[in-house]
């Protein structure tokens, strides 16, 4: 009887591709889920938990993201400098006006592992508020991935 073994990808065996997501009209949490799956490589048959098998992800039109319910007024982001009494809070509406790319980055960051590998995955995420990006050479010839509108 022949025994088969499970394939585990090694570092450098799986070549990372470049994917482009258009966030126009997409719900924040749903597109963040799709991006985190692509960064982790969970949609590939060569997925290995302890190896970076994910792709590079470019997100366009982050300023046109959609949120449901009353999140624009109720969702709050916090930042703390480490000094006593120096916590700062920001509403989602204000962050979308000033730095819309941070909203997607923080949503994806919360879905990635809290390890060294998760931080490496987050470095592969490139988010832009508009429709232009400087990574045309890497993405050239590849179709734009449109997340499913729901």
Protein backbone atom coordinates (compact mmCIF):
# COMPACT_ATOMS: atom_id res chain seq x y z
CA UNK A 1 0.00 0.00 0.00
CA UNK A 2 1.41 3.38 -1.04
CA UNK A 3 1.30 6.19 1.47
CA UNK A 4 0.72 9.68 0.22
CA UNK A 5 1.93 12.71 2.10
CA UNK A 6 0.39 16.12 2.41
CA UNK A 7 2.07 18.87 0.43
CA UNK A 8 3.46 21.72 2.52
CA UNK A 9 4.74 24.74 0.63
CA UNK A 10 8.17 26.05 1.57
CA UNK A 11 9.19 29.70 1.57
CA UNK A 12 9.90 30.80 -1.98
CA UNK A 13 8.15 27.84 -3.66
CA UNK A 14 4.88 29.66 -4.26
CA UNK A 15 5.23 32.77 -6.40
CA UNK A 16 3.13 35.70 -5.19
CA UNK A 17 0.79 37.23 -7.76
CA UNK A 18 -0.63 40.75 -7.77
CA UNK A 19 -4.37 41.27 -7.39
CA UNK A 20 -6.34 44.48 -7.80
CA UNK A 21 -9.58 45.06 -5.91
CA UNK A 22 -11.94 47.92 -6.71
CA UNK A 23 -13.69 49.03 -3.52
CA UNK A 24 -16.29 51.22 -5.24
CA UNK A 25 -19.67 50.52 -3.63
CA UNK A 26 -18.38 47.49 -1.70
CA UNK A 27 -19.32 46.88 1.94
CA UNK A 28 -16.28 47.39 4.17
CA UNK A 29 -16.34 44.10 6.07
CA UNK A 30 -17.02 41.94 3.04
CA UNK A 31 -14.24 43.35 0.91
CA UNK A 32 -11.89 43.22 3.93
CA UNK A 33 -12.66 39.52 4.25
CA UNK A 34 -11.85 38.90 0.57
CA UNK A 35 -8.62 40.87 0.87
CA UNK A 36 -7.50 39.02 4.01
CA UNK A 37 -8.15 35.66 2.34
CA UNK A 38 -6.05 36.74 -0.65
CA UNK A 39 -3.22 38.00 1.60
CA UNK A 40 -3.15 34.74 3.55
CA UNK A 41 -3.40 32.58 0.43
CA UNK A 42 -6.35 30.62 1.79
CA UNK A 43 -7.97 30.53 -1.64
CA UNK A 44 -5.02 28.61 -3.14
CA UNK A 45 -4.59 24.84 -3.10
CA UNK A 46 -0.99 25.37 -1.93
CA UNK A 47 -2.07 27.14 1.29
CA UNK A 48 0.21 26.36 4.19
CA UNK A 49 -0.46 27.99 7.58
CA UNK A 50 3.19 28.63 8.48
CA UNK A 51 4.34 29.94 5.07
CA UNK A 52 3.58 33.14 3.19
CA UNK A 53 1.55 31.73 0.28
CA UNK A 54 -0.62 34.81 -0.22
CA UNK A 55 -0.60 37.42 -2.95
CA UNK A 56 0.09 41.13 -3.11
CA UNK A 57 -3.16 43.12 -3.06
CA UNK A 58 -3.80 46.58 -4.48
CA UNK A 59 -7.07 48.23 -3.40
CA UNK A 60 -8.39 51.14 -5.43
CA UNK A 61 -11.10 53.72 -4.65
CA UNK A 62 -10.96 53.28 -0.87
CA UNK A 63 -12.79 56.59 -0.48
CA UNK A 64 -15.88 55.08 -2.16
CA UNK A 65 -16.30 52.25 0.35
CA UNK A 66 -19.78 51.61 1.73
CA UNK A 67 -20.77 50.86 5.32
CA UNK A 68 -24.10 49.61 6.59
CA UNK A 69 -26.24 50.74 9.50
CA UNK A 70 -25.15 53.74 11.56
CA UNK A 71 -21.46 52.91 11.52
CA UNK A 72 -20.47 56.27 10.01
CA UNK A 73 -21.53 57.98 13.23
CA UNK A 74 -21.09 55.19 15.78
CA UNK A 75 -17.90 53.31 14.85
CA UNK A 76 -14.90 54.71 16.70
CA UNK A 77 -11.18 54.14 16.17
CA UNK A 78 -8.77 54.66 19.07
CA UNK A 79 -5.10 55.58 19.19
CA UNK A 80 -2.94 55.87 22.28
CA UNK A 81 0.55 57.36 22.52
CA UNK A 82 1.44 55.55 25.72
CA UNK A 83 1.29 58.65 27.89
CA UNK A 84 -1.32 58.96 30.61
CA UNK A 85 -4.56 60.51 29.39
CA UNK A 86 -3.39 60.71 25.79
CA UNK A 87 -5.95 58.44 24.14
CA UNK A 88 -7.47 59.85 20.98
CA UNK A 89 -10.69 58.71 19.33
CA UNK A 90 -11.86 59.18 15.75
CA UNK A 91 -15.26 58.53 14.19
CA UNK A 92 -15.41 56.51 10.97
CA UNK A 93 -16.89 59.48 9.10
CA UNK A 94 -13.88 61.67 9.98
CA UNK A 95 -11.33 59.01 9.08
CA UNK A 96 -13.02 58.41 5.71
CA UNK A 97 -12.76 62.13 4.93
CA UNK A 98 -9.09 62.52 5.88
CA UNK A 99 -7.43 59.08 5.36
CA UNK A 100 -9.83 56.62 3.67
CA UNK A 101 -7.07 54.07 3.06
CA UNK A 102 -6.65 53.59 6.83
CA UNK A 103 -10.21 52.30 7.16
CA UNK A 104 -9.55 49.34 4.86
CA UNK A 105 -6.09 48.74 6.29
CA UNK A 106 -7.41 48.56 9.86
CA UNK A 107 -10.31 46.30 8.86
CA UNK A 108 -7.95 43.87 7.11
CA UNK A 109 -5.41 44.05 9.94
CA UNK A 110 -8.07 42.85 12.38
CA UNK A 111 -8.65 39.76 10.23
CA UNK A 112 -5.01 38.72 9.93
CA UNK A 113 -3.03 36.67 12.46
CA UNK A 114 -1.44 38.64 15.30
CA UNK A 115 2.02 37.24 14.57
CA UNK A 116 5.17 38.13 12.67
CA UNK A 117 3.69 36.47 9.62
CA UNK A 118 0.51 38.55 9.91
CA UNK A 119 2.59 41.73 9.90
CA UNK A 120 4.42 40.49 6.81
CA UNK A 121 1.07 39.87 5.10
CA UNK A 122 -0.09 43.40 5.93
CA UNK A 123 3.00 44.79 4.20
CA UNK A 124 1.76 43.22 0.98
CA UNK A 125 -1.41 45.33 1.11
CA UNK A 126 -1.38 48.56 -0.91
CA UNK A 127 -4.46 50.78 -0.48
CA UNK A 128 -5.19 53.92 -2.51
CA UNK A 129 -8.02 56.44 -2.07
CA UNK A 130 -8.38 57.03 -5.82
CA UNK A 131 -8.33 54.93 -8.96
CA UNK A 132 -4.62 55.32 -9.80
CA UNK A 133 -1.72 53.32 -8.38
CA UNK A 134 2.05 53.13 -9.01
CA UNK A 135 2.16 49.32 -9.34
CA UNK A 136 1.17 49.07 -13.02
CA UNK A 137 4.40 47.22 -13.89
CA UNK A 138 3.65 44.40 -11.44
CA UNK A 139 -0.04 44.11 -12.34
CA UNK A 140 0.39 44.63 -16.08
CA UNK A 141 -1.66 42.28 -18.24
CA UNK A 142 -3.64 40.85 -15.34
CA UNK A 143 -7.38 41.52 -15.05
CA UNK A 144 -8.78 43.53 -12.17
CA UNK A 145 -10.49 41.45 -9.52
CA UNK A 146 -13.96 42.79 -8.76
CA UNK A 147 -15.23 41.71 -5.37
CA UNK A 148 -18.74 40.36 -5.49
CA UNK A 149 -21.30 43.09 -4.94
CA UNK A 150 -23.91 41.97 -2.42
